[in-house]
Amino acid sequence: MKHKHLVLVLLAVLLLSLQGCAGKSSRQARFQNLGNGVCQDTVSGQMWQIEKSRMTTSLKDAEQYVRALSLGGYSDWRLPTIYELYDLNYLFDLFQNGDCALDREGNYWSGEKDGEGKAGAWQTSDQCGPERQYAPGARGYIRAVRP
């Protein structure tokens, strides 16, 4: 009985010490809202579109969207690779994000960069243990990135 109470106390302490699913780091915010529709990763310098696009049905539409996007004074936006989408979600779960709030649920289009990635919609989520699965033929949002 004594051990049961000890285990419950340890679990409660562990749960209270974690913030969010991944247990957010207490370090400085990793993402900074630039106030112009863009969040910037303070370590890599990458910039992310805050508001996701409307739902699109093809890679061609997604590519046209980023080519036409002018946001925050920049016009060199592109589709992120699958690795960048994964990193964005991982880093958002791990670090404090200041005043950057990105809706990350749903399918998002990815593109290829230097032969990496796979063109198509990827299912992402902001749930604990998010799963990333390629969804061929799926509709998806666009969250543009630069550079």
N, C-alpha and C. Protein backbone atom coordinates (compact mmCIF):
# COMPACT_ATOMS: atom_id res chain seq x y z
N MET A 1 0.82 -1.19 0.00
CA MET A 1 0.00 0.00 0.00
C MET A 1 0.87 1.26 0.00
N LYS A 2 1.96 1.20 0.76
CA LYS A 2 2.88 2.32 0.86
C LYS A 2 3.48 2.65 -0.51
N HIS A 3 3.83 1.62 -1.27
CA HIS A 3 4.42 1.81 -2.60
C HIS A 3 3.41 2.38 -3.58
N LYS A 4 2.16 1.99 -3.43
CA LYS A 4 1.11 2.49 -4.33
C LYS A 4 0.97 4.01 -4.18
N HIS A 5 0.99 4.51 -2.98
CA HIS A 5 0.90 5.95 -2.74
C HIS A 5 2.13 6.68 -3.27
N LEU A 6 3.29 6.08 -3.09
CA LEU A 6 4.53 6.68 -3.58
C LEU A 6 4.50 6.80 -5.11
N VAL A 7 4.04 5.76 -5.77
CA VAL A 7 3.94 5.77 -7.23
C VAL A 7 2.96 6.86 -7.68
N LEU A 8 1.82 6.97 -7.02
CA LEU A 8 0.84 8.00 -7.37
C LEU A 8 1.39 9.41 -7.17
N VAL A 9 2.13 9.63 -6.10
CA VAL A 9 2.73 10.94 -5.84
C VAL A 9 3.77 11.25 -6.92
N LEU A 10 4.60 10.26 -7.26
CA LEU A 10 5.61 10.48 -8.31
C LEU A 10 4.96 10.78 -9.65
N LEU A 11 3.90 10.09 -9.99
CA LEU A 11 3.18 10.36 -11.24
C LEU A 11 2.60 11.76 -11.25
N ALA A 12 2.02 12.17 -10.13
CA ALA A 12 1.43 13.51 -10.04
C ALA A 12 2.50 14.58 -10.21
N VAL A 13 3.65 14.41 -9.59
CA VAL A 13 4.75 15.36 -9.72
C VAL A 13 5.23 15.43 -11.16
N LEU A 14 5.37 14.27 -11.78
CA LEU A 14 5.81 14.22 -13.17
C LEU A 14 4.81 14.95 -14.08
N LEU A 15 3.53 14.68 -13.92
CA LEU A 15 2.51 15.32 -14.75
C LEU A 15 2.47 16.83 -14.53
N LEU A 16 2.62 17.26 -13.31
CA LEU A 16 2.61 18.70 -13.04
C LEU A 16 3.84 19.41 -13.57
N SER A 17 4.95 18.69 -13.67
CA SER A 17 6.18 19.32 -14.14
C SER A 17 6.23 19.43 -15.66
N LEU A 18 5.45 18.64 -16.36
CA LEU A 18 5.43 18.69 -17.82
C LEU A 18 4.41 19.71 -18.29
N GLN A 19 4.79 20.47 -19.30
CA GLN A 19 3.86 21.42 -19.91
C GLN A 19 3.62 20.93 -21.32
N GLY A 20 2.43 20.48 -21.61
CA GLY A 20 2.15 19.98 -22.95
C GLY A 20 2.60 18.54 -23.08
N CYS A 21 2.50 18.02 -24.27
CA CYS A 21 2.78 16.61 -24.52
C CYS A 21 4.26 16.31 -24.42
N ALA A 22 5.09 17.15 -24.98
CA ALA A 22 6.51 16.85 -25.03
C ALA A 22 7.27 17.38 -23.82
N GLY A 23 6.60 18.08 -22.95
CA GLY A 23 7.30 18.68 -21.83
C GLY A 23 8.12 19.85 -22.33
N LYS A 24 7.51 20.98 -22.48
CA LYS A 24 8.15 22.15 -23.09
C LYS A 24 9.42 22.54 -22.35
N SER A 25 10.40 22.94 -23.14
CA SER A 25 11.66 23.41 -22.59
C SER A 25 11.43 24.76 -21.91
N SER A 26 12.19 25.01 -20.87
CA SER A 26 12.07 26.30 -20.17
C SER A 26 12.95 27.37 -20.81
N ARG A 27 13.67 27.00 -21.87
CA ARG A 27 14.52 27.97 -22.55
C ARG A 27 13.68 29.03 -23.25
N GLN A 28 14.36 30.05 -23.73
CA GLN A 28 13.71 31.16 -24.43
C GLN A 28 12.88 30.64 -25.59
N ALA A 29 11.84 31.39 -25.95
CA ALA A 29 10.96 31.01 -27.05
C ALA A 29 11.76 30.74 -28.31
N ARG A 30 11.40 29.68 -29.00
CA ARG A 30 12.09 29.31 -30.24
C ARG A 30 11.51 30.07 -31.43
N PHE A 31 10.22 30.42 -31.37
CA PHE A 31 9.55 31.11 -32.48
C PHE A 31 9.13 32.50 -32.05
N GLN A 32 9.31 33.44 -32.96
CA GLN A 32 8.97 34.84 -32.68
C GLN A 32 7.98 35.32 -33.73
N ASN A 33 6.86 35.89 -33.27
CA ASN A 33 5.88 36.47 -34.17
C ASN A 33 6.42 37.83 -34.62
N LEU A 34 6.62 37.98 -35.93
CA LEU A 34 7.19 39.23 -36.45
C LEU A 34 6.13 40.31 -36.65
N GLY A 35 4.87 39.98 -36.40
CA GLY A 35 3.80 40.96 -36.48
C GLY A 35 3.33 41.26 -37.90
N ASN A 36 3.76 40.47 -38.85
CA ASN A 36 3.40 40.72 -40.26
C ASN A 36 2.86 39.46 -40.92
N GLY A 37 2.29 38.56 -40.10
CA GLY A 37 1.76 37.31 -40.64
C GLY A 37 2.80 36.21 -40.71
N VAL A 38 3.96 36.44 -40.07
CA VAL A 38 5.09 35.52 -40.16
C VAL A 38 5.63 35.21 -38.77
N CYS A 39 5.95 33.93 -38.53
CA CYS A 39 6.70 33.51 -37.34
C CYS A 39 8.08 33.10 -37.80
N GLN A 40 9.09 33.51 -37.05
CA GLN A 40 10.46 33.17 -37.40
C GLN A 40 11.06 32.26 -36.35
N ASP A 41 11.74 31.22 -36.81
CA ASP A 41 12.51 30.33 -35.95
C ASP A 41 13.77 31.10 -35.58
N THR A 42 13.95 31.39 -34.30
CA THR A 42 15.06 32.23 -33.86
C THR A 42 16.41 31.53 -33.96
N VAL A 43 16.42 30.22 -34.16
CA VAL A 43 17.67 29.48 -34.29
C VAL A 43 18.06 29.31 -35.76
N SER A 44 17.14 28.79 -36.57
CA SER A 44 17.45 28.52 -37.98
C SER A 44 17.27 29.75 -38.87
N GLY A 45 16.45 30.70 -38.42
CA GLY A 45 16.15 31.87 -39.23
C GLY A 45 15.01 31.65 -40.21
N GLN A 46 14.51 30.41 -40.34
CA GLN A 46 13.40 30.15 -41.25
C GLN A 46 12.17 30.93 -40.82
N MET A 47 11.40 31.33 -41.80
CA MET A 47 10.15 32.04 -41.55
C MET A 47 8.99 31.19 -42.03
N TRP A 48 7.92 31.17 -41.23
CA TRP A 48 6.74 30.37 -41.52
C TRP A 48 5.51 31.27 -41.61
N GLN A 49 4.69 31.00 -42.57
CA GLN A 49 3.40 31.67 -42.71
C GLN A 49 2.54 31.28 -41.50
N ILE A 50 1.95 32.25 -40.81
CA ILE A 50 1.14 31.95 -39.64
C ILE A 50 -0.21 31.36 -40.04
N GLU A 51 -0.93 32.04 -40.89
CA GLU A 51 -2.26 31.59 -41.30
C GLU A 51 -2.12 30.56 -42.41
N LYS A 52 -2.69 29.39 -42.19
CA LYS A 52 -2.65 28.40 -43.26
C LYS A 52 -3.58 28.84 -44.38
N SER A 53 -3.31 28.34 -45.57
CA SER A 53 -4.11 28.70 -46.74
C SER A 53 -5.49 28.04 -46.67
N ARG A 54 -6.30 28.36 -47.64
CA ARG A 54 -7.55 27.60 -47.81
C ARG A 54 -7.15 26.20 -48.26
N MET A 55 -8.07 25.27 -48.18
CA MET A 55 -7.82 23.90 -48.60
C MET A 55 -7.64 23.85 -50.13
N THR A 56 -6.60 23.17 -50.59
CA THR A 56 -6.38 23.02 -52.03
C THR A 56 -6.40 21.52 -52.36
N THR A 57 -6.69 21.24 -53.64
CA THR A 57 -6.89 19.85 -54.04
C THR A 57 -5.76 19.25 -54.85
N SER A 58 -4.76 20.06 -55.21
CA SER A 58 -3.69 19.51 -56.03
C SER A 58 -2.35 20.17 -55.70
N LEU A 59 -1.29 19.45 -56.00
CA LEU A 59 0.04 19.99 -55.83
C LEU A 59 0.24 21.20 -56.73
N LYS A 60 -0.31 21.16 -57.92
CA LYS A 60 -0.20 22.28 -58.85
C LYS A 60 -0.78 23.55 -58.23
N ASP A 61 -1.96 23.44 -57.60
CA ASP A 61 -2.57 24.60 -56.93
C ASP A 61 -1.71 25.09 -55.77
N ALA A 62 -1.13 24.15 -55.03
CA ALA A 62 -0.27 24.52 -53.90
C ALA A 62 0.97 25.26 -54.39
N GLU A 63 1.57 24.78 -55.46
CA GLU A 63 2.75 25.45 -56.01
C GLU A 63 2.42 26.83 -56.54
N GLN A 64 1.26 26.98 -57.19
CA GLN A 64 0.84 28.30 -57.67
C GLN A 64 0.62 29.26 -56.51
N TYR A 65 0.05 28.75 -55.42
CA TYR A 65 -0.20 29.57 -54.24
C TYR A 65 1.09 30.16 -53.70
N VAL A 66 2.13 29.33 -53.51
CA VAL A 66 3.37 29.84 -52.92
C VAL A 66 4.11 30.77 -53.89
N ARG A 67 4.00 30.51 -55.19
CA ARG A 67 4.64 31.40 -56.16
C ARG A 67 4.02 32.80 -56.13
N ALA A 68 2.73 32.86 -55.87
CA ALA A 68 2.02 34.14 -55.85
C ALA A 68 2.02 34.81 -54.48
N LEU A 69 2.45 34.09 -53.45
CA LEU A 69 2.38 34.62 -52.08
C LEU A 69 3.39 35.74 -51.86
N SER A 70 2.88 36.86 -51.38
CA SER A 70 3.72 37.98 -50.95
C SER A 70 3.29 38.27 -49.51
N LEU A 71 4.16 38.00 -48.58
CA LEU A 71 3.81 38.10 -47.17
C LEU A 71 5.00 38.62 -46.38
N GLY A 72 4.76 39.59 -45.52
CA GLY A 72 5.81 40.11 -44.66
C GLY A 72 6.93 40.80 -45.41
N GLY A 73 6.64 41.26 -46.64
CA GLY A 73 7.65 41.92 -47.44
C GLY A 73 8.51 40.96 -48.25
N TYR A 74 8.15 39.67 -48.27
CA TYR A 74 8.92 38.66 -49.00
C TYR A 74 8.05 38.00 -50.06
N SER A 75 8.68 37.63 -51.16
CA SER A 75 7.95 36.93 -52.21
C SER A 75 8.65 35.63 -52.61
N ASP A 76 9.60 35.16 -51.80
CA ASP A 76 10.33 33.93 -52.12
C ASP A 76 9.86 32.75 -51.27
N TRP A 77 8.56 32.68 -51.04
CA TRP A 77 7.97 31.60 -50.27
C TRP A 77 7.96 30.31 -51.08
N ARG A 78 7.95 29.18 -50.40
CA ARG A 78 7.93 27.87 -51.06
C ARG A 78 7.20 26.88 -50.18
N LEU A 79 6.94 25.70 -50.75
CA LEU A 79 6.37 24.61 -49.97
C LEU A 79 7.47 24.00 -49.12
N PRO A 80 7.18 23.66 -47.88
CA PRO A 80 8.20 23.01 -47.05
C PRO A 80 8.39 21.55 -47.47
N THR A 81 9.55 21.00 -47.16
CA THR A 81 9.77 19.57 -47.36
C THR A 81 9.06 18.82 -46.23
N ILE A 82 8.96 17.52 -46.39
CA ILE A 82 8.35 16.73 -45.31
C ILE A 82 9.16 16.85 -44.03
N TYR A 83 10.48 16.96 -44.18
CA TYR A 83 11.35 17.08 -43.01
C TYR A 83 11.12 18.41 -42.29
N GLU A 84 10.93 19.46 -43.05
CA GLU A 84 10.66 20.76 -42.44
C GLU A 84 9.31 20.77 -41.73
N LEU A 85 8.29 20.14 -42.33
CA LEU A 85 6.99 20.05 -41.66
C LEU A 85 7.11 19.27 -40.35
N TYR A 86 7.84 18.18 -40.41
CA TYR A 86 8.04 17.37 -39.21
C TYR A 86 8.78 18.18 -38.14
N ASP A 87 9.87 18.84 -38.54
CA ASP A 87 10.64 19.65 -37.60
C ASP A 87 9.80 20.76 -36.99
N LEU A 88 8.98 21.42 -37.81
CA LEU A 88 8.12 22.49 -37.30
C LEU A 88 7.24 21.96 -36.18
N ASN A 89 6.59 20.83 -36.41
CA ASN A 89 5.72 20.26 -35.39
C ASN A 89 6.49 19.80 -34.17
N TYR A 90 7.63 19.18 -34.37
CA TYR A 90 8.45 18.72 -33.26
C TYR A 90 8.92 19.90 -32.41
N LEU A 91 9.45 20.93 -33.07
CA LEU A 91 9.95 22.10 -32.33
C LEU A 91 8.83 22.85 -31.64
N PHE A 92 7.66 22.90 -32.26
CA PHE A 92 6.53 23.58 -31.64
C PHE A 92 6.09 22.84 -30.38
N ASP A 93 6.18 21.52 -30.41
CA ASP A 93 5.81 20.74 -29.23
C ASP A 93 6.86 20.85 -28.13
N LEU A 94 8.12 21.04 -28.50
CA LEU A 94 9.22 20.99 -27.55
C LEU A 94 9.51 22.32 -26.87
N PHE A 95 9.40 23.43 -27.60
CA PHE A 95 9.83 24.73 -27.07
C PHE A 95 8.66 25.66 -26.76
N GLN A 96 8.95 26.63 -25.92
CA GLN A 96 8.01 27.72 -25.70
C GLN A 96 7.94 28.49 -27.02
N ASN A 97 6.78 28.96 -27.40
CA ASN A 97 6.64 29.55 -28.72
C ASN A 97 6.25 31.02 -28.69
N GLY A 98 6.50 31.67 -27.60
CA GLY A 98 6.22 33.09 -27.52
C GLY A 98 4.79 33.37 -27.92
N ASP A 99 4.62 34.34 -28.80
CA ASP A 99 3.28 34.70 -29.24
C ASP A 99 2.95 34.14 -30.63
N CYS A 100 3.65 33.10 -31.04
CA CYS A 100 3.36 32.43 -32.32
C CYS A 100 2.34 31.33 -32.06
N ALA A 101 1.24 31.41 -32.74
CA ALA A 101 0.21 30.38 -32.63
C ALA A 101 -0.10 29.88 -34.03
N LEU A 102 0.27 28.65 -34.30
CA LEU A 102 0.02 28.04 -35.61
C LEU A 102 -0.97 26.90 -35.44
N ASP A 103 -2.04 26.92 -36.22
CA ASP A 103 -2.96 25.80 -36.26
C ASP A 103 -2.30 24.73 -37.11
N ARG A 104 -1.90 23.63 -36.49
CA ARG A 104 -1.11 22.61 -37.19
C ARG A 104 -1.90 21.37 -37.54
N GLU A 105 -3.18 21.32 -37.21
CA GLU A 105 -3.96 20.13 -37.52
C GLU A 105 -4.34 20.10 -38.98
N GLY A 106 -4.40 18.91 -39.54
CA GLY A 106 -4.86 18.73 -40.90
C GLY A 106 -3.77 18.29 -41.86
N ASN A 107 -4.13 18.16 -43.12
CA ASN A 107 -3.18 17.80 -44.18
C ASN A 107 -2.51 19.06 -44.69
N TYR A 108 -1.20 18.98 -44.92
CA TYR A 108 -0.43 20.09 -45.46
C TYR A 108 0.39 19.62 -46.65
N TRP A 109 0.46 20.46 -47.66
CA TRP A 109 1.23 20.14 -48.85
C TRP A 109 2.71 20.32 -48.59
N SER A 110 3.49 19.40 -49.11
CA SER A 110 4.94 19.51 -49.05
C SER A 110 5.48 19.45 -50.46
N GLY A 111 6.70 19.89 -50.62
CA GLY A 111 7.34 19.87 -51.92
C GLY A 111 8.72 19.28 -51.79
N GLU A 112 9.44 19.30 -52.86
CA GLU A 112 10.79 18.78 -52.86
C GLU A 112 11.79 19.91 -52.86
N LYS A 113 12.88 19.72 -52.16
CA LYS A 113 13.97 20.68 -52.12
C LYS A 113 15.24 19.88 -52.20
N ASP A 114 16.03 20.12 -53.20
CA ASP A 114 17.29 19.38 -53.37
C ASP A 114 17.06 17.87 -53.39
N GLY A 115 15.94 17.45 -54.01
CA GLY A 115 15.67 16.02 -54.11
C GLY A 115 15.10 15.40 -52.85
N GLU A 116 14.93 16.18 -51.80
CA GLU A 116 14.37 15.65 -50.55
C GLU A 116 12.86 15.80 -50.57
N GLY A 117 12.21 15.06 -49.74
CA GLY A 117 10.78 15.23 -49.57
C GLY A 117 9.99 14.47 -50.60
N LYS A 118 8.71 14.61 -50.50
CA LYS A 118 7.78 13.94 -51.39
C LYS A 118 6.63 14.90 -51.60
N ALA A 119 6.30 15.14 -52.85
CA ALA A 119 5.24 16.09 -53.13
C ALA A 119 3.90 15.45 -52.79
N GLY A 120 3.12 16.14 -52.03
CA GLY A 120 1.79 15.65 -51.66
C GLY A 120 1.39 16.15 -50.30
N ALA A 121 0.21 15.77 -49.88
CA ALA A 121 -0.32 16.22 -48.59
C ALA A 121 0.12 15.26 -47.49
N TRP A 122 0.53 15.81 -46.39
CA TRP A 122 0.96 15.03 -45.23
C TRP A 122 0.05 15.34 -44.07
N GLN A 123 -0.44 14.32 -43.41
CA GLN A 123 -1.31 14.49 -42.25
C GLN A 123 -0.45 14.88 -41.06
N THR A 124 -0.74 16.01 -40.45
CA THR A 124 -0.04 16.43 -39.25
C THR A 124 -1.07 16.74 -38.18
N SER A 125 -0.64 16.77 -36.96
CA SER A 125 -1.55 17.00 -35.85
C SER A 125 -0.78 17.63 -34.71
N ASP A 126 -1.49 18.32 -33.82
CA ASP A 126 -0.80 18.86 -32.65
C ASP A 126 -1.15 18.05 -31.40
N GLN A 127 -1.50 16.80 -31.60
CA GLN A 127 -1.80 15.90 -30.50
C GLN A 127 -0.50 15.29 -29.98
N CYS A 128 -0.56 14.67 -28.82
CA CYS A 128 0.62 13.98 -28.28
C CYS A 128 1.02 12.87 -29.25
N GLY A 129 2.31 12.73 -29.49
CA GLY A 129 2.79 11.70 -30.38
C GLY A 129 2.23 11.83 -31.78
N PRO A 130 2.35 13.02 -32.40
CA PRO A 130 1.73 13.22 -33.71
C PRO A 130 2.28 12.26 -34.74
N GLU A 131 1.40 11.81 -35.57
CA GLU A 131 1.77 10.88 -36.63
C GLU A 131 1.82 11.64 -37.94
N ARG A 132 2.83 11.37 -38.72
CA ARG A 132 2.98 12.01 -40.02
C ARG A 132 2.80 10.93 -41.07
N GLN A 133 1.75 11.02 -41.85
CA GLN A 133 1.50 10.02 -42.88
C GLN A 133 1.22 10.72 -44.19
N TYR A 134 1.79 10.18 -45.25
CA TYR A 134 1.53 10.68 -46.59
C TYR A 134 0.11 10.30 -46.96
N ALA A 135 -0.62 11.26 -47.52
CA ALA A 135 -2.02 11.04 -47.88
C ALA A 135 -2.19 11.31 -49.37
N PRO A 136 -1.92 10.34 -50.22
CA PRO A 136 -2.04 10.57 -51.67
C PRO A 136 -3.47 10.90 -52.05
N GLY A 137 -3.62 11.87 -52.92
CA GLY A 137 -4.94 12.27 -53.38
C GLY A 137 -5.72 13.10 -52.38
N ALA A 138 -5.12 13.41 -51.24
CA ALA A 138 -5.82 14.16 -50.21
C ALA A 138 -5.80 15.65 -50.52
N ARG A 139 -6.77 16.33 -49.99
CA ARG A 139 -6.77 17.78 -50.03
C ARG A 139 -5.88 18.25 -48.89
N GLY A 140 -5.31 19.45 -49.05
CA GLY A 140 -4.44 19.92 -47.99
C GLY A 140 -4.33 21.43 -47.92
N TYR A 141 -3.86 21.90 -46.79
CA TYR A 141 -3.57 23.33 -46.59
C TYR A 141 -2.14 23.59 -47.02
N ILE A 142 -1.80 24.84 -47.08
CA ILE A 142 -0.42 25.24 -47.36
C ILE A 142 0.05 26.10 -46.21
N ARG A 143 1.21 25.78 -45.70
CA ARG A 143 1.91 26.63 -44.75
C ARG A 143 3.27 26.89 -45.37
N ALA A 144 3.38 28.05 -46.00
CA ALA A 144 4.60 28.39 -46.73
C ALA A 144 5.76 28.66 -45.79
N VAL A 145 6.97 28.45 -46.29
CA VAL A 145 8.18 28.66 -45.53
C VAL A 145 9.18 29.40 -46.43
N ARG A 146 10.09 30.09 -45.81
CA ARG A 146 11.20 30.72 -46.51
C ARG A 146 12.38 30.78 -45.55
N PRO A 147 13.55 30.90 -45.90
CA PRO A 147 14.13 30.60 -47.22
C PRO A 147 14.16 29.12 -47.44
